[in-house]
Amino acid sequence: YQFAIDGNAYEYIPANQERDHGGGYIWEWGDNAVGLSDYELIMALAEAESAKIKYLGSQYYDIQTIPNAQIESIRRTVELYRAMGGKF
């Protein structure tokens, strides 16, 4: 995945990812642990004024704007993580 967050570029390569497709759509999901190497991206997303994500596939790609509500959810998740004693 490539991100454009407030004019800065970031990349994320998941360690584990699954796919499915049907009806002309493709679904991708994964469950990856978040570590120190992800800190810069997560904080940029949590503090973003605007953000886009580019999904890169072997045959296709798609660019989507990350909605403000989702950015707010990321920010609140980081706050909860820290309130529960979590550290990067």
Protein backbone atom coordinates (compact mmCIF):
# COMPACT_ATOMS: atom_id res chain seq x y z
CA TYR A 1 0.00 0.00 0.00
CA GLN A 2 1.15 3.53 -0.70
CA PHE A 3 -0.16 6.50 1.23
CA ALA A 4 -0.16 10.21 0.49
CA ILE A 5 -0.68 11.94 3.82
CA ASP A 6 -0.58 15.74 3.98
CA GLY A 7 1.81 15.80 1.03
CA ASN A 8 4.16 13.10 2.36
CA ALA A 9 4.60 9.60 0.92
CA TYR A 10 4.53 6.40 2.99
CA GLU A 11 4.51 2.70 2.14
CA TYR A 12 3.20 -0.28 4.05
CA ILE A 13 3.87 -3.90 3.10
CA PRO A 14 1.78 -6.31 5.19
CA ALA A 15 3.40 -9.52 6.40
CA ASN A 16 0.19 -11.50 6.05
CA GLN A 17 -2.59 -10.85 3.57
CA GLU A 18 -5.53 -12.82 2.23
CA ARG A 19 -7.69 -12.26 -0.86
CA ASP A 20 -11.04 -13.23 -2.26
CA HIS A 21 -13.04 -12.12 -5.27
CA GLY A 22 -16.47 -12.33 -6.81
CA GLY A 23 -18.99 -10.28 -8.72
CA GLY A 24 -16.27 -8.08 -10.19
CA TYR A 25 -14.87 -7.14 -6.77
CA ILE A 26 -11.68 -8.07 -4.93
CA TRP A 27 -11.42 -8.19 -1.14
CA GLU A 28 -8.14 -8.11 0.75
CA TRP A 29 -7.60 -8.35 4.48
CA GLY A 30 -4.93 -9.21 6.97
CA ASP A 31 -4.14 -9.37 10.66
CA ASN A 32 -0.66 -7.96 11.26
CA ALA A 33 1.01 -6.92 14.47
CA VAL A 34 1.88 -3.23 14.71
CA GLY A 35 5.45 -2.48 15.64
CA LEU A 36 7.91 0.36 15.94
CA SER A 37 8.51 0.34 12.19
CA ASP A 38 4.84 1.28 11.69
CA TYR A 39 4.90 4.21 14.14
CA GLU A 40 5.57 6.98 11.61
CA LEU A 41 2.74 5.88 9.30
CA ILE A 42 0.24 5.41 12.13
CA MET A 43 1.00 8.79 13.67
CA ALA A 44 0.82 10.50 10.27
CA LEU A 45 -2.61 8.94 9.72
CA ALA A 46 -3.79 9.84 13.23
CA GLU A 47 -2.82 13.49 12.75
CA ALA A 48 -3.72 13.80 9.05
CA GLU A 49 -5.59 16.69 7.52
CA SER A 50 -5.98 14.66 4.31
CA ALA A 51 -4.90 11.19 3.25
CA LYS A 52 -5.16 8.89 0.26
CA ILE A 53 -4.30 5.23 -0.09
CA LYS A 54 -3.20 3.43 -3.23
CA TYR A 55 -3.86 -0.29 -3.31
CA LEU A 56 -1.23 -1.94 -5.49
CA GLY A 57 -1.97 -5.33 -7.00
CA SER A 58 -0.18 -7.48 -9.52
CA GLN A 59 -2.79 -6.60 -12.16
CA TYR A 60 -4.79 -3.70 -10.76
CA TYR A 61 -4.53 -0.64 -8.55
CA ASP A 62 -7.01 1.70 -6.92
CA ILE A 63 -6.65 5.07 -5.20
CA GLN A 64 -9.11 6.15 -2.53
CA THR A 65 -9.40 9.12 -0.22
CA ILE A 66 -9.44 8.10 3.43
CA PRO A 67 -12.56 9.72 4.93
CA ASN A 68 -12.16 12.15 7.83
CA ALA A 69 -14.31 9.87 10.00
CA GLN A 70 -11.83 7.03 9.47
CA ILE A 71 -8.88 9.31 10.26
CA GLU A 72 -10.67 10.32 13.47
CA SER A 73 -11.17 6.63 14.34
CA ILE A 74 -7.44 6.00 13.87
CA ARG A 75 -6.65 8.96 16.14
CA ARG A 76 -9.03 7.68 18.84
CA THR A 77 -7.57 4.17 18.57
CA VAL A 78 -4.05 5.55 19.14
CA GLU A 79 -5.33 7.50 22.16
CA LEU A 80 -6.99 4.37 23.60
CA TYR A 81 -3.86 2.30 22.99
CA ARG A 82 -1.77 4.82 24.93
CA ALA A 83 -4.37 5.16 27.71
CA MET A 84 -4.19 1.40 28.20
CA GLY A 85 -0.41 1.59 28.62
CA GLY A 86 0.57 0.72 25.08
CA LYS A 87 3.91 1.95 23.75
CA PHE A 88 5.54 1.85 20.36
